[in-house]
Amino acid sequence: MDGALDCDLGLCPLTNTMPVLRHSLHRTPGERDFLMAWVSVPDLTVSPSPQRYTHLAPHRVRFTSLDSDFRSDLTFDPDGLVVDYPGLAHRLGD
């Protein structure tokens, strides 16, 4: 896990907030690759997970797993919190 600054807890959209906020990717154009400490649920196994976050538009960021073909376009609020993670979560009231 050398170089992993953040964790990514399986089935938890809030952990996607950390790298997006740190680099303002919900506001600013750009693309960043990260090594995350992936925590599998429910067994809590930890493994390295290379990931990419790409600014698509204000409040829209694409999450891509670089070791699989998974990707999802996430919606963030102005504060950088996940509002919609298709197929996983949608914040109530939005």
N, C-alpha and C. Protein backbone atom coordinates (compact mmCIF):
# COMPACT_ATOMS: atom_id res chain seq x y z
N MET A 1 0.82 -1.20 0.00
CA MET A 1 0.00 0.00 0.00
C MET A 1 0.86 1.26 0.00
N ASP A 2 2.14 1.10 -0.22
CA ASP A 2 3.02 2.26 -0.27
C ASP A 2 2.48 3.30 -1.24
N GLY A 3 2.26 4.50 -0.76
CA GLY A 3 1.76 5.58 -1.59
C GLY A 3 0.26 5.80 -1.50
N ALA A 4 -0.46 4.92 -0.82
CA ALA A 4 -1.90 5.10 -0.66
C ALA A 4 -2.15 6.13 0.44
N LEU A 5 -2.75 7.24 0.07
CA LEU A 5 -3.04 8.30 1.02
C LEU A 5 -4.45 8.16 1.61
N ASP A 6 -5.36 7.62 0.81
CA ASP A 6 -6.77 7.51 1.22
C ASP A 6 -7.22 6.07 1.21
N CYS A 7 -8.33 5.82 1.92
CA CYS A 7 -8.98 4.52 1.84
C CYS A 7 -10.21 4.66 0.95
N ASP A 8 -10.66 3.57 0.41
CA ASP A 8 -11.91 3.51 -0.34
C ASP A 8 -12.70 2.36 0.25
N LEU A 9 -13.67 2.67 1.07
CA LEU A 9 -14.50 1.67 1.73
C LEU A 9 -15.57 1.20 0.77
N GLY A 10 -15.60 -0.08 0.49
CA GLY A 10 -16.58 -0.64 -0.42
C GLY A 10 -18.00 -0.28 -0.02
N LEU A 11 -18.82 0.03 -1.01
CA LEU A 11 -20.24 0.37 -0.83
C LEU A 11 -20.45 1.67 -0.06
N CYS A 12 -19.43 2.52 0.01
CA CYS A 12 -19.54 3.80 0.73
C CYS A 12 -19.15 4.94 -0.20
N PRO A 13 -20.13 5.68 -0.72
CA PRO A 13 -19.80 6.76 -1.66
C PRO A 13 -19.04 7.93 -1.01
N LEU A 14 -19.09 8.05 0.29
CA LEU A 14 -18.43 9.19 0.94
C LEU A 14 -16.91 9.14 0.83
N THR A 15 -16.32 7.96 0.70
CA THR A 15 -14.86 7.91 0.60
C THR A 15 -14.35 8.43 -0.74
N ASN A 16 -15.23 8.56 -1.74
CA ASN A 16 -14.84 9.17 -3.01
C ASN A 16 -14.63 10.68 -2.86
N THR A 17 -15.13 11.23 -1.79
CA THR A 17 -15.01 12.67 -1.55
C THR A 17 -13.57 13.11 -1.29
N MET A 18 -12.79 12.28 -0.61
CA MET A 18 -11.45 12.70 -0.16
C MET A 18 -10.53 13.15 -1.30
N PRO A 19 -10.28 12.34 -2.32
CA PRO A 19 -9.39 12.81 -3.38
C PRO A 19 -9.99 13.92 -4.23
N VAL A 20 -11.32 13.88 -4.41
CA VAL A 20 -11.99 14.92 -5.20
C VAL A 20 -11.85 16.28 -4.52
N LEU A 21 -12.10 16.33 -3.23
CA LEU A 21 -11.97 17.59 -2.49
C LEU A 21 -10.53 18.10 -2.46
N ARG A 22 -9.60 17.21 -2.21
CA ARG A 22 -8.20 17.62 -2.09
C ARG A 22 -7.69 18.30 -3.36
N HIS A 23 -8.22 17.89 -4.51
CA HIS A 23 -7.76 18.46 -5.78
C HIS A 23 -8.85 19.27 -6.48
N SER A 24 -9.94 19.58 -5.78
CA SER A 24 -11.05 20.39 -6.30
C SER A 24 -11.56 19.90 -7.65
N LEU A 25 -11.56 18.59 -7.85
CA LEU A 25 -11.98 18.04 -9.14
C LEU A 25 -13.47 18.21 -9.40
N HIS A 26 -14.26 18.53 -8.39
CA HIS A 26 -15.68 18.80 -8.59
C HIS A 26 -15.89 20.22 -9.13
N ARG A 27 -14.84 21.03 -9.09
CA ARG A 27 -14.92 22.43 -9.55
C ARG A 27 -13.96 22.75 -10.69
N THR A 28 -12.80 22.11 -10.70
CA THR A 28 -11.71 22.49 -11.58
C THR A 28 -11.39 21.39 -12.58
N PRO A 29 -11.24 21.71 -13.86
CA PRO A 29 -10.85 20.70 -14.84
C PRO A 29 -9.54 20.01 -14.45
N GLY A 30 -9.49 18.74 -14.75
CA GLY A 30 -8.28 17.99 -14.49
C GLY A 30 -8.58 16.51 -14.35
N GLU A 31 -7.50 15.76 -14.24
CA GLU A 31 -7.59 14.32 -14.08
C GLU A 31 -6.45 13.90 -13.17
N ARG A 32 -6.73 13.04 -12.21
CA ARG A 32 -5.71 12.60 -11.25
C ARG A 32 -5.81 11.10 -11.03
N ASP A 33 -4.65 10.47 -10.93
CA ASP A 33 -4.58 9.06 -10.58
C ASP A 33 -4.16 8.92 -9.13
N PHE A 34 -4.75 7.94 -8.45
CA PHE A 34 -4.47 7.71 -7.03
C PHE A 34 -4.30 6.23 -6.77
N LEU A 35 -3.54 5.92 -5.76
CA LEU A 35 -3.51 4.57 -5.22
C LEU A 35 -4.30 4.64 -3.92
N MET A 36 -5.37 3.87 -3.85
CA MET A 36 -6.23 3.86 -2.69
C MET A 36 -6.06 2.55 -1.94
N ALA A 37 -6.30 2.58 -0.64
CA ALA A 37 -6.37 1.36 0.16
C ALA A 37 -7.83 0.92 0.13
N TRP A 38 -8.13 -0.07 -0.71
CA TRP A 38 -9.50 -0.55 -0.89
C TRP A 38 -9.86 -1.50 0.26
N VAL A 39 -10.96 -1.18 0.95
CA VAL A 39 -11.44 -2.01 2.04
C VAL A 39 -12.71 -2.71 1.57
N SER A 40 -12.61 -4.01 1.37
CA SER A 40 -13.74 -4.80 0.89
C SER A 40 -14.76 -4.99 2.00
N VAL A 41 -16.04 -4.94 1.62
CA VAL A 41 -17.12 -5.15 2.59
C VAL A 41 -17.89 -6.39 2.17
N PRO A 42 -18.21 -7.30 3.03
CA PRO A 42 -18.18 -7.21 4.49
C PRO A 42 -16.93 -7.83 5.13
N ASP A 43 -16.01 -8.40 4.34
CA ASP A 43 -14.89 -9.13 4.96
C ASP A 43 -13.75 -8.24 5.46
N LEU A 44 -13.75 -6.96 5.09
CA LEU A 44 -12.77 -5.97 5.53
C LEU A 44 -11.33 -6.28 5.09
N THR A 45 -11.19 -7.02 4.00
CA THR A 45 -9.89 -7.25 3.38
C THR A 45 -9.40 -5.93 2.78
N VAL A 46 -8.14 -5.62 2.97
CA VAL A 46 -7.56 -4.39 2.43
C VAL A 46 -6.60 -4.74 1.31
N SER A 47 -6.72 -4.05 0.17
CA SER A 47 -5.83 -4.29 -0.96
C SER A 47 -5.61 -2.98 -1.72
N PRO A 48 -4.52 -2.89 -2.48
CA PRO A 48 -4.28 -1.67 -3.26
C PRO A 48 -5.27 -1.56 -4.40
N SER A 49 -5.69 -0.32 -4.70
CA SER A 49 -6.64 -0.07 -5.78
C SER A 49 -6.24 1.19 -6.54
N PRO A 50 -5.65 1.05 -7.73
CA PRO A 50 -5.35 2.23 -8.54
C PRO A 50 -6.64 2.80 -9.13
N GLN A 51 -6.83 4.10 -8.97
CA GLN A 51 -8.07 4.75 -9.41
C GLN A 51 -7.76 6.07 -10.10
N ARG A 52 -8.69 6.49 -10.96
CA ARG A 52 -8.58 7.78 -11.65
C ARG A 52 -9.87 8.56 -11.42
N TYR A 53 -9.72 9.84 -11.16
CA TYR A 53 -10.86 10.75 -11.05
C TYR A 53 -10.68 11.84 -12.11
N THR A 54 -11.72 12.05 -12.92
CA THR A 54 -11.66 12.99 -14.03
C THR A 54 -12.81 13.99 -13.94
N HIS A 55 -12.49 15.28 -13.93
CA HIS A 55 -13.51 16.33 -13.95
C HIS A 55 -14.22 16.28 -15.30
N LEU A 56 -15.54 16.17 -15.29
CA LEU A 56 -16.33 16.17 -16.52
C LEU A 56 -17.02 17.51 -16.75
N ALA A 57 -17.50 18.10 -15.68
CA ALA A 57 -18.24 19.37 -15.70
C ALA A 57 -18.34 19.81 -14.25
N PRO A 58 -18.77 21.05 -14.00
CA PRO A 58 -18.95 21.43 -12.59
C PRO A 58 -19.83 20.41 -11.86
N HIS A 59 -19.32 19.90 -10.76
CA HIS A 59 -20.01 18.95 -9.89
C HIS A 59 -20.16 17.55 -10.49
N ARG A 60 -19.49 17.26 -11.60
CA ARG A 60 -19.54 15.93 -12.23
C ARG A 60 -18.11 15.40 -12.38
N VAL A 61 -17.87 14.23 -11.82
CA VAL A 61 -16.54 13.62 -11.84
C VAL A 61 -16.69 12.14 -12.20
N ARG A 62 -15.84 11.69 -13.12
CA ARG A 62 -15.84 10.27 -13.48
C ARG A 62 -14.83 9.54 -12.59
N PHE A 63 -15.31 8.46 -11.96
CA PHE A 63 -14.46 7.57 -11.19
C PHE A 63 -14.17 6.36 -12.06
N THR A 64 -12.89 6.00 -12.19
CA THR A 64 -12.49 4.83 -12.96
C THR A 64 -11.55 3.97 -12.13
N SER A 65 -11.86 2.69 -12.05
CA SER A 65 -10.96 1.73 -11.43
C SER A 65 -9.96 1.32 -12.49
N LEU A 66 -8.67 1.52 -12.21
CA LEU A 66 -7.65 1.24 -13.21
C LEU A 66 -7.23 -0.23 -13.27
N ASP A 67 -7.74 -1.04 -12.35
CA ASP A 67 -7.42 -2.47 -12.42
C ASP A 67 -8.64 -3.32 -12.79
N SER A 68 -9.69 -2.65 -13.27
CA SER A 68 -10.87 -3.35 -13.80
C SER A 68 -11.52 -2.42 -14.83
N ASP A 69 -12.63 -2.84 -15.40
CA ASP A 69 -13.31 -2.00 -16.39
C ASP A 69 -14.45 -1.18 -15.77
N PHE A 70 -14.45 -1.05 -14.44
CA PHE A 70 -15.52 -0.31 -13.76
C PHE A 70 -15.28 1.19 -13.84
N ARG A 71 -16.36 1.91 -14.13
CA ARG A 71 -16.32 3.37 -14.05
C ARG A 71 -17.73 3.87 -13.77
N SER A 72 -17.80 5.06 -13.17
CA SER A 72 -19.09 5.64 -12.84
C SER A 72 -18.95 7.16 -12.82
N ASP A 73 -19.95 7.86 -13.32
CA ASP A 73 -19.97 9.31 -13.30
C ASP A 73 -20.73 9.78 -12.06
N LEU A 74 -20.01 10.43 -11.17
CA LEU A 74 -20.55 10.83 -9.88
C LEU A 74 -20.96 12.30 -9.91
N THR A 75 -21.99 12.63 -9.14
CA THR A 75 -22.42 14.02 -8.97
C THR A 75 -22.10 14.45 -7.55
N PHE A 76 -21.50 15.64 -7.42
CA PHE A 76 -21.11 16.21 -6.13
C PHE A 76 -21.86 17.50 -5.89
N ASP A 77 -22.07 17.84 -4.63
CA ASP A 77 -22.65 19.14 -4.31
C ASP A 77 -21.52 20.18 -4.30
N PRO A 78 -21.84 21.48 -4.12
CA PRO A 78 -20.80 22.50 -4.13
C PRO A 78 -19.71 22.32 -3.06
N ASP A 79 -20.05 21.61 -1.97
CA ASP A 79 -19.06 21.36 -0.91
C ASP A 79 -18.20 20.13 -1.19
N GLY A 80 -18.47 19.41 -2.28
CA GLY A 80 -17.66 18.25 -2.64
C GLY A 80 -18.14 16.94 -2.07
N LEU A 81 -19.37 16.89 -1.57
CA LEU A 81 -19.94 15.64 -1.06
C LEU A 81 -20.72 14.94 -2.17
N VAL A 82 -20.67 13.63 -2.21
CA VAL A 82 -21.36 12.86 -3.24
C VAL A 82 -22.87 13.00 -3.07
N VAL A 83 -23.53 13.40 -4.16
CA VAL A 83 -24.99 13.51 -4.20
C VAL A 83 -25.58 12.29 -4.90
N ASP A 84 -24.89 11.83 -5.95
CA ASP A 84 -25.40 10.68 -6.70
C ASP A 84 -24.24 9.81 -7.17
N TYR A 85 -24.33 8.53 -6.82
CA TYR A 85 -23.40 7.51 -7.28
C TYR A 85 -24.28 6.45 -7.92
N PRO A 86 -24.46 6.50 -9.25
CA PRO A 86 -25.41 5.61 -9.93
C PRO A 86 -25.23 4.15 -9.55
N GLY A 87 -26.34 3.52 -9.22
CA GLY A 87 -26.34 2.11 -8.86
C GLY A 87 -25.92 1.82 -7.43
N LEU A 88 -25.48 2.85 -6.70
CA LEU A 88 -25.04 2.64 -5.31
C LEU A 88 -25.79 3.52 -4.32
N ALA A 89 -25.83 4.82 -4.58
CA ALA A 89 -26.44 5.72 -3.59
C ALA A 89 -26.89 7.02 -4.23
N HIS A 90 -27.93 7.59 -3.63
CA HIS A 90 -28.43 8.92 -4.01
C HIS A 90 -28.82 9.62 -2.71
N ARG A 91 -28.30 10.82 -2.53
CA ARG A 91 -28.61 11.55 -1.30
C ARG A 91 -30.08 11.97 -1.30
N LEU A 92 -30.76 11.71 -0.21
CA LEU A 92 -32.17 12.08 -0.08
C LEU A 92 -32.31 13.59 -0.02
N GLY A 93 -33.39 14.10 -0.60
CA GLY A 93 -33.64 15.52 -0.58
C GLY A 93 -33.08 16.23 -1.80
N ASP A 94 -32.35 15.51 -2.66
CA ASP A 94 -31.79 16.10 -3.87
C ASP A 94 -32.45 15.51 -5.10
